[in-house]
Amino acid sequence: MEWRQQSAVSCELAFQEAQRWLEEVTKKRFGSKSFRVALEDGVLLCDLINTLKPGIIKRVNRLSTPIAGLDNVNVFLKACEKLGLNEAQLFHPGDLQDVSTRVTVRREETSRRLKNVLITIYWLGRKAQSDPFYTGPQLNLKAFEGLLGTALSKNLLLNHLKYLIIITIIIFIILNIFKINKDEQV
């Protein structure tokens, strides 16, 4: 199988697993809605995180307007941060917007945006499963391996860059301290 076909299969497995987990945790069904449509109003995402950590979201906006949906998605993302997910693990609120009717947006862009949502669900599921008090349905993390290959590599690279910057700053400080001490001795 060609790598593009494998990638598509990997993503499809991740979508199916994310949907299964969301439905089992929240006890709500997507029905005939697509993955994006089921999540775009943010209600299911808020219900998910409130099930994982009751009361973390105080109010869910149940109006069926785009602004209400964007508000819910933002509240969900803030709750994810409260649970310990970092910014690199979170999708952008616009990733759930319907861009299929925009002439300038390609199909690959829509796919990339939904992959970002999947990656956040992966990290949230992983965070839930690492909590010793969590006894709910388990997210099959293996279903996300193909999807996460490049994302995890990118995250690892960013972490290495952070450490490299910190080490560079420490070396710079130490060198300046030695220089000051040397200047004082002269």
N, C-alpha and C. Protein backbone atom coordinates (compact mmCIF):
# COMPACT_ATOMS: atom_id res chain seq x y z
N MET A 1 0.83 -1.17 0.00
CA MET A 1 0.00 0.00 0.00
C MET A 1 0.89 1.25 0.00
N GLU A 2 0.55 2.20 -0.83
CA GLU A 2 1.30 3.44 -0.92
C GLU A 2 1.12 4.25 0.37
N TRP A 3 2.12 5.10 0.71
CA TRP A 3 2.09 5.84 1.98
C TRP A 3 0.87 6.74 2.09
N ARG A 4 0.40 7.31 0.97
CA ARG A 4 -0.78 8.18 1.03
C ARG A 4 -2.03 7.37 1.39
N GLN A 5 -2.11 6.16 0.84
CA GLN A 5 -3.24 5.31 1.17
C GLN A 5 -3.17 4.89 2.64
N GLN A 6 -1.96 4.56 3.12
CA GLN A 6 -1.80 4.19 4.52
C GLN A 6 -2.19 5.36 5.42
N SER A 7 -1.80 6.56 5.03
CA SER A 7 -2.12 7.75 5.82
C SER A 7 -3.63 7.95 5.88
N ALA A 8 -4.31 7.77 4.75
CA ALA A 8 -5.76 7.92 4.72
C ALA A 8 -6.44 6.88 5.60
N VAL A 9 -5.95 5.64 5.55
CA VAL A 9 -6.49 4.57 6.38
C VAL A 9 -6.25 4.88 7.85
N SER A 10 -5.05 5.35 8.19
CA SER A 10 -4.72 5.72 9.56
C SER A 10 -5.64 6.81 10.08
N CYS A 11 -5.90 7.80 9.25
CA CYS A 11 -6.78 8.89 9.66
C CYS A 11 -8.20 8.39 9.86
N GLU A 12 -8.65 7.54 8.97
CA GLU A 12 -10.01 7.01 9.09
C GLU A 12 -10.16 6.21 10.39
N LEU A 13 -9.15 5.42 10.74
CA LEU A 13 -9.18 4.68 12.00
C LEU A 13 -9.23 5.64 13.19
N ALA A 14 -8.47 6.71 13.11
CA ALA A 14 -8.45 7.70 14.19
C ALA A 14 -9.82 8.38 14.31
N PHE A 15 -10.43 8.74 13.17
CA PHE A 15 -11.76 9.35 13.20
C PHE A 15 -12.78 8.40 13.84
N GLN A 16 -12.75 7.14 13.43
CA GLN A 16 -13.68 6.16 13.98
C GLN A 16 -13.48 5.97 15.48
N GLU A 17 -12.23 5.89 15.90
CA GLU A 17 -11.94 5.69 17.32
C GLU A 17 -12.32 6.93 18.14
N ALA A 18 -12.03 8.12 17.62
CA ALA A 18 -12.40 9.35 18.33
C ALA A 18 -13.92 9.44 18.48
N GLN A 19 -14.63 9.12 17.42
CA GLN A 19 -16.10 9.16 17.47
C GLN A 19 -16.62 8.15 18.48
N ARG A 20 -16.10 6.92 18.44
CA ARG A 20 -16.54 5.89 19.38
C ARG A 20 -16.33 6.35 20.82
N TRP A 21 -15.14 6.89 21.10
CA TRP A 21 -14.81 7.32 22.45
C TRP A 21 -15.70 8.49 22.91
N LEU A 22 -15.86 9.49 22.03
CA LEU A 22 -16.73 10.62 22.36
C LEU A 22 -18.15 10.17 22.67
N GLU A 23 -18.66 9.26 21.85
CA GLU A 23 -20.03 8.78 22.06
C GLU A 23 -20.16 7.97 23.34
N GLU A 24 -19.18 7.14 23.64
CA GLU A 24 -19.24 6.34 24.86
C GLU A 24 -19.08 7.18 26.12
N VAL A 25 -18.18 8.15 26.08
CA VAL A 25 -17.95 8.99 27.26
C VAL A 25 -19.17 9.87 27.52
N THR A 26 -19.69 10.52 26.48
CA THR A 26 -20.80 11.47 26.66
C THR A 26 -22.17 10.80 26.64
N LYS A 27 -22.21 9.55 26.15
CA LYS A 27 -23.47 8.82 25.97
C LYS A 27 -24.41 9.55 25.00
N LYS A 28 -23.80 10.24 24.02
CA LYS A 28 -24.55 10.93 22.97
C LYS A 28 -24.02 10.46 21.63
N ARG A 29 -24.88 10.34 20.65
CA ARG A 29 -24.52 9.84 19.33
C ARG A 29 -24.34 10.96 18.32
N PHE A 30 -23.43 10.73 17.38
CA PHE A 30 -23.25 11.65 16.26
C PHE A 30 -24.46 11.58 15.32
N GLY A 31 -25.11 10.42 15.29
CA GLY A 31 -26.21 10.21 14.36
C GLY A 31 -25.67 10.19 12.94
N SER A 32 -26.36 10.86 12.05
CA SER A 32 -25.91 10.88 10.65
C SER A 32 -24.95 12.04 10.37
N LYS A 33 -24.61 12.79 11.39
CA LYS A 33 -23.71 13.93 11.21
C LYS A 33 -22.28 13.48 10.96
N SER A 34 -21.57 14.25 10.18
CA SER A 34 -20.15 13.99 9.97
C SER A 34 -19.39 14.38 11.24
N PHE A 35 -18.14 13.99 11.32
CA PHE A 35 -17.30 14.29 12.48
C PHE A 35 -17.28 15.80 12.75
N ARG A 36 -17.01 16.58 11.72
CA ARG A 36 -16.93 18.03 11.88
C ARG A 36 -18.26 18.62 12.31
N VAL A 37 -19.33 18.23 11.65
CA VAL A 37 -20.65 18.79 11.94
C VAL A 37 -21.09 18.44 13.37
N ALA A 38 -20.78 17.24 13.82
CA ALA A 38 -21.16 16.82 15.17
C ALA A 38 -20.44 17.65 16.24
N LEU A 39 -19.26 18.16 15.91
CA LEU A 39 -18.46 18.89 16.90
C LEU A 39 -18.47 20.40 16.74
N GLU A 40 -18.92 20.91 15.59
CA GLU A 40 -18.74 22.33 15.26
C GLU A 40 -19.43 23.28 16.23
N ASP A 41 -20.53 22.87 16.87
CA ASP A 41 -21.18 23.79 17.80
C ASP A 41 -20.56 23.74 19.20
N GLY A 42 -19.59 22.84 19.38
CA GLY A 42 -18.84 22.76 20.63
C GLY A 42 -19.58 22.12 21.79
N VAL A 43 -20.87 21.85 21.64
CA VAL A 43 -21.66 21.30 22.75
C VAL A 43 -21.15 19.92 23.15
N LEU A 44 -20.93 19.05 22.17
CA LEU A 44 -20.45 17.70 22.47
C LEU A 44 -19.06 17.74 23.10
N LEU A 45 -18.22 18.65 22.64
CA LEU A 45 -16.88 18.79 23.22
C LEU A 45 -16.96 19.25 24.68
N CYS A 46 -17.85 20.22 24.95
CA CYS A 46 -18.04 20.68 26.33
C CYS A 46 -18.62 19.56 27.20
N ASP A 47 -19.55 18.79 26.65
CA ASP A 47 -20.11 17.66 27.39
C ASP A 47 -19.02 16.62 27.68
N LEU A 48 -18.14 16.41 26.71
CA LEU A 48 -17.04 15.45 26.89
C LEU A 48 -16.16 15.87 28.06
N ILE A 49 -15.70 17.10 28.05
CA ILE A 49 -14.76 17.53 29.08
C ILE A 49 -15.45 17.65 30.44
N ASN A 50 -16.74 17.99 30.45
CA ASN A 50 -17.47 18.02 31.72
C ASN A 50 -17.71 16.62 32.27
N THR A 51 -17.75 15.62 31.41
CA THR A 51 -17.86 14.24 31.87
C THR A 51 -16.52 13.78 32.44
N LEU A 52 -15.43 14.18 31.78
CA LEU A 52 -14.09 13.81 32.26
C LEU A 52 -13.76 14.52 33.57
N LYS A 53 -14.12 15.78 33.68
CA LYS A 53 -13.84 16.60 34.87
C LYS A 53 -15.11 17.41 35.17
N PRO A 54 -16.04 16.82 35.92
CA PRO A 54 -17.32 17.49 36.18
C PRO A 54 -17.15 18.91 36.73
N GLY A 55 -17.91 19.83 36.13
CA GLY A 55 -17.93 21.21 36.59
C GLY A 55 -16.83 22.10 36.05
N ILE A 56 -15.93 21.55 35.23
CA ILE A 56 -14.84 22.38 34.71
C ILE A 56 -15.37 23.47 33.78
N ILE A 57 -16.48 23.18 33.10
CA ILE A 57 -17.17 24.18 32.28
C ILE A 57 -18.50 24.47 32.96
N LYS A 58 -18.68 25.71 33.35
CA LYS A 58 -19.88 26.09 34.11
C LYS A 58 -21.12 26.23 33.25
N ARG A 59 -20.93 26.74 32.03
CA ARG A 59 -22.09 27.02 31.19
C ARG A 59 -21.78 26.67 29.74
N VAL A 60 -22.68 25.91 29.13
CA VAL A 60 -22.56 25.56 27.72
C VAL A 60 -23.65 26.33 26.98
N ASN A 61 -23.26 27.04 25.94
CA ASN A 61 -24.20 27.82 25.14
C ASN A 61 -24.88 26.89 24.14
N ARG A 62 -26.16 26.66 24.32
CA ARG A 62 -26.89 25.69 23.49
C ARG A 62 -27.64 26.35 22.33
N LEU A 63 -27.41 27.63 22.11
CA LEU A 63 -28.01 28.30 20.95
C LEU A 63 -27.37 27.74 19.68
N SER A 64 -28.13 27.69 18.61
CA SER A 64 -27.59 27.14 17.37
C SER A 64 -27.12 28.25 16.43
N THR A 65 -26.19 29.05 16.94
CA THR A 65 -25.61 30.12 16.13
C THR A 65 -24.11 29.88 16.01
N PRO A 66 -23.49 30.36 14.93
CA PRO A 66 -22.04 30.19 14.78
C PRO A 66 -21.25 30.81 15.94
N ILE A 67 -21.71 31.95 16.46
CA ILE A 67 -21.02 32.62 17.56
C ILE A 67 -21.09 31.75 18.82
N ALA A 68 -22.24 31.16 19.08
CA ALA A 68 -22.39 30.28 20.25
C ALA A 68 -21.46 29.08 20.11
N GLY A 69 -21.38 28.53 18.91
CA GLY A 69 -20.49 27.40 18.67
C GLY A 69 -19.03 27.76 18.90
N LEU A 70 -18.63 28.90 18.40
CA LEU A 70 -17.25 29.37 18.58
C LEU A 70 -16.96 29.61 20.06
N ASP A 71 -17.94 30.17 20.77
CA ASP A 71 -17.80 30.39 22.21
C ASP A 71 -17.59 29.05 22.93
N ASN A 72 -18.40 28.05 22.60
CA ASN A 72 -18.27 26.73 23.23
C ASN A 72 -16.92 26.10 22.94
N VAL A 73 -16.46 26.20 21.70
CA VAL A 73 -15.17 25.62 21.32
C VAL A 73 -14.05 26.30 22.11
N ASN A 74 -14.12 27.62 22.24
CA ASN A 74 -13.10 28.34 23.02
C ASN A 74 -13.12 27.94 24.49
N VAL A 75 -14.32 27.76 25.04
CA VAL A 75 -14.45 27.33 26.44
C VAL A 75 -13.86 25.91 26.60
N PHE A 76 -14.14 25.05 25.64
CA PHE A 76 -13.58 23.69 25.65
C PHE A 76 -12.05 23.74 25.65
N LEU A 77 -11.48 24.55 24.77
CA LEU A 77 -10.02 24.63 24.66
C LEU A 77 -9.39 25.18 25.94
N LYS A 78 -10.04 26.16 26.57
CA LYS A 78 -9.54 26.69 27.85
C LYS A 78 -9.60 25.61 28.93
N ALA A 79 -10.65 24.80 28.91
CA ALA A 79 -10.78 23.71 29.88
C ALA A 79 -9.68 22.67 29.65
N CYS A 80 -9.35 22.41 28.39
CA CYS A 80 -8.26 21.48 28.08
C CYS A 80 -6.94 21.99 28.68
N GLU A 81 -6.71 23.30 28.59
CA GLU A 81 -5.50 23.89 29.18
C GLU A 81 -5.51 23.73 30.69
N LYS A 82 -6.68 23.91 31.32
CA LYS A 82 -6.80 23.73 32.77
C LYS A 82 -6.45 22.30 33.18
N LEU A 83 -6.76 21.35 32.29
CA LEU A 83 -6.45 19.95 32.57
C LEU A 83 -4.98 19.62 32.32
N GLY A 84 -4.25 20.56 31.72
CA GLY A 84 -2.82 20.35 31.53
C GLY A 84 -2.35 20.18 30.10
N LEU A 85 -3.26 20.27 29.13
CA LEU A 85 -2.81 20.20 27.74
C LEU A 85 -2.14 21.54 27.41
N ASN A 86 -1.07 21.47 26.61
CA ASN A 86 -0.40 22.71 26.24
C ASN A 86 -0.90 23.19 24.88
N GLU A 87 -0.54 24.39 24.55
CA GLU A 87 -1.04 25.03 23.34
C GLU A 87 -0.76 24.22 22.07
N ALA A 88 0.39 23.56 22.02
CA ALA A 88 0.75 22.78 20.83
C ALA A 88 -0.15 21.56 20.66
N GLN A 89 -0.84 21.15 21.72
CA GLN A 89 -1.72 19.98 21.65
C GLN A 89 -3.16 20.35 21.32
N LEU A 90 -3.44 21.63 21.18
CA LEU A 90 -4.80 22.10 20.96
C LEU A 90 -5.02 22.54 19.52
N PHE A 91 -6.20 22.24 19.02
CA PHE A 91 -6.55 22.72 17.69
C PHE A 91 -6.95 24.20 17.78
N HIS A 92 -7.03 24.86 16.65
CA HIS A 92 -7.46 26.25 16.59
C HIS A 92 -8.98 26.26 16.49
N PRO A 93 -9.67 27.19 17.16
CA PRO A 93 -11.14 27.21 17.09
C PRO A 93 -11.69 27.20 15.66
N GLY A 94 -10.97 27.81 14.73
CA GLY A 94 -11.42 27.84 13.34
C GLY A 94 -11.32 26.50 12.63
N ASP A 95 -10.63 25.54 13.24
CA ASP A 95 -10.47 24.23 12.59
C ASP A 95 -11.79 23.48 12.43
N LEU A 96 -12.81 23.84 13.22
CA LEU A 96 -14.11 23.17 13.10
C LEU A 96 -15.10 23.93 12.22
N GLN A 97 -14.69 25.08 11.71
CA GLN A 97 -15.58 25.83 10.83
C GLN A 97 -15.71 25.15 9.48
N ASP A 98 -16.89 25.28 8.89
CA ASP A 98 -17.11 24.71 7.57
C ASP A 98 -16.49 25.64 6.53
N VAL A 99 -15.43 25.16 5.89
CA VAL A 99 -14.77 25.96 4.86
C VAL A 99 -14.92 25.32 3.48
N SER A 100 -15.79 24.32 3.39
CA SER A 100 -15.94 23.59 2.12
C SER A 100 -16.52 24.45 1.01
N THR A 101 -17.24 25.50 1.35
CA THR A 101 -17.84 26.33 0.32
C THR A 101 -16.92 27.46 -0.14
N ARG A 102 -15.81 27.64 0.53
CA ARG A 102 -14.86 28.69 0.14
C ARG A 102 -14.05 28.22 -1.06
N VAL A 103 -13.99 29.05 -2.05
CA VAL A 103 -13.32 28.71 -3.30
C VAL A 103 -11.82 28.51 -3.09
N THR A 104 -11.23 29.30 -2.22
CA THR A 104 -9.77 29.28 -2.05
C THR A 104 -9.27 28.16 -1.15
N VAL A 105 -10.16 27.45 -0.48
CA VAL A 105 -9.73 26.40 0.45
C VAL A 105 -9.76 25.05 -0.25
N ARG A 106 -8.67 24.36 -0.19
CA ARG A 106 -8.57 23.04 -0.80
C ARG A 106 -9.06 21.96 0.16
N ARG A 107 -9.35 20.81 -0.39
CA ARG A 107 -9.80 19.67 0.40
C ARG A 107 -8.75 19.27 1.43
N GLU A 108 -7.47 19.39 1.04
CA GLU A 108 -6.38 19.04 1.96
C GLU A 108 -6.38 19.93 3.19
N GLU A 109 -6.76 21.19 3.01
CA GLU A 109 -6.82 22.14 4.14
C GLU A 109 -7.90 21.72 5.13
N THR A 110 -9.06 21.33 4.62
CA THR A 110 -10.14 20.85 5.48
C THR A 110 -9.69 19.61 6.23
N SER A 111 -9.02 18.71 5.54
CA SER A 111 -8.51 17.49 6.16
C SER A 111 -7.48 17.81 7.25
N ARG A 112 -6.58 18.75 6.98
CA ARG A 112 -5.57 19.13 7.95
C ARG A 112 -6.22 19.69 9.21
N ARG A 113 -7.25 20.50 9.03
CA ARG A 113 -7.93 21.11 10.16
C ARG A 113 -8.58 20.04 11.04
N LEU A 114 -9.21 19.06 10.42
CA LEU A 114 -9.86 18.00 11.19
C LEU A 114 -8.82 17.10 11.88
N LYS A 115 -7.66 16.94 11.27
CA LYS A 115 -6.58 16.18 11.91
C LYS A 115 -6.13 16.90 13.18
N ASN A 116 -6.11 18.23 13.15
CA ASN A 116 -5.76 18.99 14.35
C ASN A 116 -6.75 18.70 15.49
N VAL A 117 -8.03 18.59 15.14
CA VAL A 117 -9.06 18.28 16.14
C VAL A 117 -8.81 16.87 16.69
N LEU A 118 -8.50 15.93 15.80
CA LEU A 118 -8.20 14.56 16.24
C LEU A 118 -7.02 14.52 17.20
N ILE A 119 -6.00 15.30 16.92
CA ILE A 119 -4.81 15.32 17.76
C ILE A 119 -5.16 15.82 19.16
N THR A 120 -6.01 16.83 19.24
CA THR A 120 -6.44 17.32 20.56
C THR A 120 -7.22 16.24 21.30
N ILE A 121 -8.10 15.54 20.59
CA ILE A 121 -8.87 14.47 21.23
C ILE A 121 -7.94 13.37 21.72
N TYR A 122 -6.91 13.06 20.92
CA TYR A 122 -5.91 12.07 21.35
C TYR A 122 -5.27 12.49 22.67
N TRP A 123 -4.78 13.73 22.74
CA TRP A 123 -4.10 14.20 23.95
C TRP A 123 -5.05 14.28 25.14
N LEU A 124 -6.30 14.64 24.89
CA LEU A 124 -7.28 14.69 25.97
C LEU A 124 -7.57 13.28 26.49
N GLY A 125 -7.72 12.34 25.56
CA GLY A 125 -7.95 10.95 25.96
C GLY A 125 -6.77 10.39 26.73
N ARG A 126 -5.60 10.72 26.27
CA ARG A 126 -4.38 10.26 26.96
C ARG A 126 -4.30 10.86 28.37
N LYS A 127 -4.65 12.14 28.48
CA LYS A 127 -4.64 12.81 29.79
C LYS A 127 -5.66 12.15 30.72
N ALA A 128 -6.85 11.86 30.20
CA ALA A 128 -7.90 11.22 31.01
C ALA A 128 -7.42 9.86 31.51
N GLN A 129 -6.81 9.09 30.62
CA GLN A 129 -6.38 7.74 30.98
C GLN A 129 -5.21 7.74 31.94
N SER A 130 -4.47 8.83 32.02
CA SER A 130 -3.36 8.90 32.97
C SER A 130 -3.84 9.30 34.36
N ASP A 131 -5.10 9.73 34.47
CA ASP A 131 -5.68 10.09 35.76
C ASP A 131 -6.12 8.80 36.47
N PRO A 132 -5.55 8.52 37.64
CA PRO A 132 -5.89 7.28 38.34
C PRO A 132 -7.37 7.20 38.76
N PHE A 133 -8.07 8.33 38.79
CA PHE A 133 -9.48 8.33 39.17
C PHE A 133 -10.43 8.17 37.99
N TYR A 134 -9.87 8.20 36.77
CA TYR A 134 -10.71 8.05 35.57
C TYR A 134 -11.03 6.57 35.37
N THR A 135 -12.32 6.26 35.32
CA THR A 135 -12.74 4.87 35.12
C THR A 135 -13.64 4.70 33.90
N GLY A 136 -13.70 5.73 33.07
CA GLY A 136 -14.58 5.70 31.91
C GLY A 136 -13.99 4.92 30.75
N PRO A 137 -14.66 4.99 29.60
CA PRO A 137 -14.20 4.28 28.41
C PRO A 137 -12.77 4.70 28.03
N GLN A 138 -12.03 3.74 27.53
CA GLN A 138 -10.64 3.98 27.14
C GLN A 138 -10.56 4.33 25.66
N LEU A 139 -9.74 5.31 25.35
CA LEU A 139 -9.46 5.67 23.97
C LEU A 139 -8.33 4.77 23.49
N ASN A 140 -8.54 4.11 22.37
CA ASN A 140 -7.50 3.26 21.80
C ASN A 140 -6.45 4.15 21.15
N LEU A 141 -5.38 4.42 21.89
CA LEU A 141 -4.35 5.35 21.43
C LEU A 141 -3.62 4.83 20.20
N LYS A 142 -3.58 3.52 20.01
CA LYS A 142 -2.90 2.93 18.85
C LYS A 142 -3.56 3.35 17.54
N ALA A 143 -4.86 3.63 17.58
CA ALA A 143 -5.58 4.04 16.37
C ALA A 143 -5.07 5.37 15.82
N PHE A 144 -4.32 6.11 16.64
CA PHE A 144 -3.84 7.44 16.25
C PHE A 144 -2.39 7.43 15.81
N GLU A 145 -1.73 6.29 15.85
CA GLU A 145 -0.29 6.23 15.57
C GLU A 145 0.09 6.81 14.20
N GLY A 146 -0.62 6.42 13.16
CA GLY A 146 -0.30 6.91 11.82
C GLY A 146 -0.50 8.41 11.70
N LEU A 147 -1.54 8.89 12.33
CA LEU A 147 -1.84 10.32 12.30
C LEU A 147 -0.80 11.12 13.08
N LEU A 148 -0.34 10.58 14.18
CA LEU A 148 0.53 11.33 15.08
C LEU A 148 2.00 11.28 14.73
N GLY A 149 2.40 10.43 13.83
CA GLY A 149 3.81 10.31 13.50
C GLY A 149 4.49 11.64 13.28
N THR A 150 3.97 12.44 12.38
CA THR A 150 4.60 13.73 12.08
C THR A 150 4.31 14.74 13.17
N ALA A 151 3.12 14.69 13.76
CA ALA A 151 2.78 15.66 14.81
C ALA A 151 3.66 15.45 16.03
N LEU A 152 3.88 14.20 16.41
CA LEU A 152 4.73 13.92 17.57
C LEU A 152 6.17 14.31 17.29
N SER A 153 6.63 14.06 16.07
CA SER A 153 8.00 14.44 15.71
C SER A 153 8.16 15.95 15.81
N LYS A 154 7.15 16.69 15.35
CA LYS A 154 7.19 18.14 15.40
C LYS A 154 7.19 18.61 16.86
N ASN A 155 6.36 17.99 17.70
CA ASN A 155 6.29 18.35 19.11
C ASN A 155 7.62 18.06 19.80
N LEU A 156 8.22 16.91 19.48
CA LEU A 156 9.50 16.54 20.06
C LEU A 156 10.58 17.55 19.64
N LEU A 157 10.56 17.95 18.39
CA LEU A 157 11.52 18.93 17.89
C LEU A 157 11.36 20.25 18.63
N LEU A 158 10.12 20.68 18.85
CA LEU A 158 9.89 21.93 19.58
C LEU A 158 10.41 21.84 21.01
N ASN A 159 10.20 20.69 21.65
CA ASN A 159 10.72 20.52 23.01
C ASN A 159 12.24 20.58 23.03
N HIS A 160 12.88 19.94 22.06
CA HIS A 160 14.34 19.98 21.98
C HIS A 160 14.84 21.41 21.76
N LEU A 161 14.12 22.16 20.91
CA LEU A 161 14.50 23.55 20.66
C LEU A 161 14.38 24.39 21.93
N LYS A 162 13.33 24.15 22.72
CA LYS A 162 13.18 24.88 23.98
C LYS A 162 14.37 24.63 24.90
N TYR A 163 14.75 23.35 25.03
CA TYR A 163 15.89 23.02 25.89
C TYR A 163 17.18 23.63 25.36
N LEU A 164 17.34 23.62 24.05
CA LEU A 164 18.53 24.21 23.44
C LEU A 164 18.60 25.71 23.74
N ILE A 165 17.48 26.38 23.66
CA ILE A 165 17.44 27.82 23.96
C ILE A 165 17.76 28.06 25.43
N ILE A 166 17.20 27.26 26.31
CA ILE A 166 17.48 27.41 27.74
C ILE A 166 18.96 27.19 28.03
N ILE A 167 19.53 26.15 27.45
CA ILE A 167 20.96 25.87 27.65
C ILE A 167 21.81 27.02 27.11
N THR A 168 21.45 27.55 25.96
CA THR A 168 22.18 28.68 25.38
C THR A 168 22.13 29.90 26.31
N ILE A 169 20.98 30.17 26.87
CA ILE A 169 20.84 31.30 27.80
C ILE A 169 21.69 31.08 29.05
N ILE A 170 21.67 29.86 29.59
CA ILE A 170 22.47 29.55 30.77
C ILE A 170 23.96 29.74 30.48
N ILE A 171 24.40 29.24 29.34
CA ILE A 171 25.82 29.40 28.96
C ILE A 171 26.16 30.88 28.82
N PHE A 172 25.28 31.64 28.21
CA PHE A 172 25.50 33.07 28.04
C PHE A 172 25.64 33.76 29.40
N ILE A 173 24.77 33.41 30.34
CA ILE A 173 24.82 33.99 31.69
C ILE A 173 26.13 33.63 32.38
N ILE A 174 26.50 32.36 32.30
CA ILE A 174 27.75 31.91 32.94
C ILE A 174 28.95 32.62 32.35
N LEU A 175 28.99 32.73 31.03
CA LEU A 175 30.11 33.43 30.38
C LEU A 175 30.17 34.90 30.82
N ASN A 176 29.03 35.54 30.94
CA ASN A 176 29.01 36.93 31.39
C ASN A 176 29.46 37.05 32.85
N ILE A 177 29.11 36.09 33.68
CA ILE A 177 29.56 36.10 35.08
C ILE A 177 31.08 35.97 35.13
N PHE A 178 31.62 35.05 34.34
CA PHE A 178 33.08 34.89 34.31
C PHE A 178 33.76 36.16 33.80
N LYS A 179 33.15 36.79 32.80
CA LYS A 179 33.73 38.01 32.24
C LYS A 179 33.72 39.12 33.29
N ILE A 180 32.64 39.24 34.03
CA ILE A 180 32.54 40.27 35.08
C ILE A 180 33.58 40.00 36.16
N ASN A 181 33.70 38.74 36.59
CA ASN A 181 34.69 38.38 37.60
C ASN A 181 36.11 38.65 37.11
N LYS A 182 36.38 38.38 35.87
CA LYS A 182 37.70 38.59 35.29
C LYS A 182 38.02 40.09 35.24
N ASP A 183 37.02 40.89 34.82
CA ASP A 183 37.17 42.34 34.76
C ASP A 183 37.43 42.94 36.15
N GLU A 184 36.78 42.38 37.18
CA GLU A 184 36.97 42.87 38.55
C GLU A 184 38.38 42.57 39.07
N GLN A 185 38.96 41.47 38.61
CA GLN A 185 40.29 41.06 39.07
C GLN A 185 41.38 41.93 38.45
N VAL A 186 41.12 42.50 37.34
CA VAL A 186 42.14 43.29 36.63
C VAL A 186 42.28 44.67 37.20
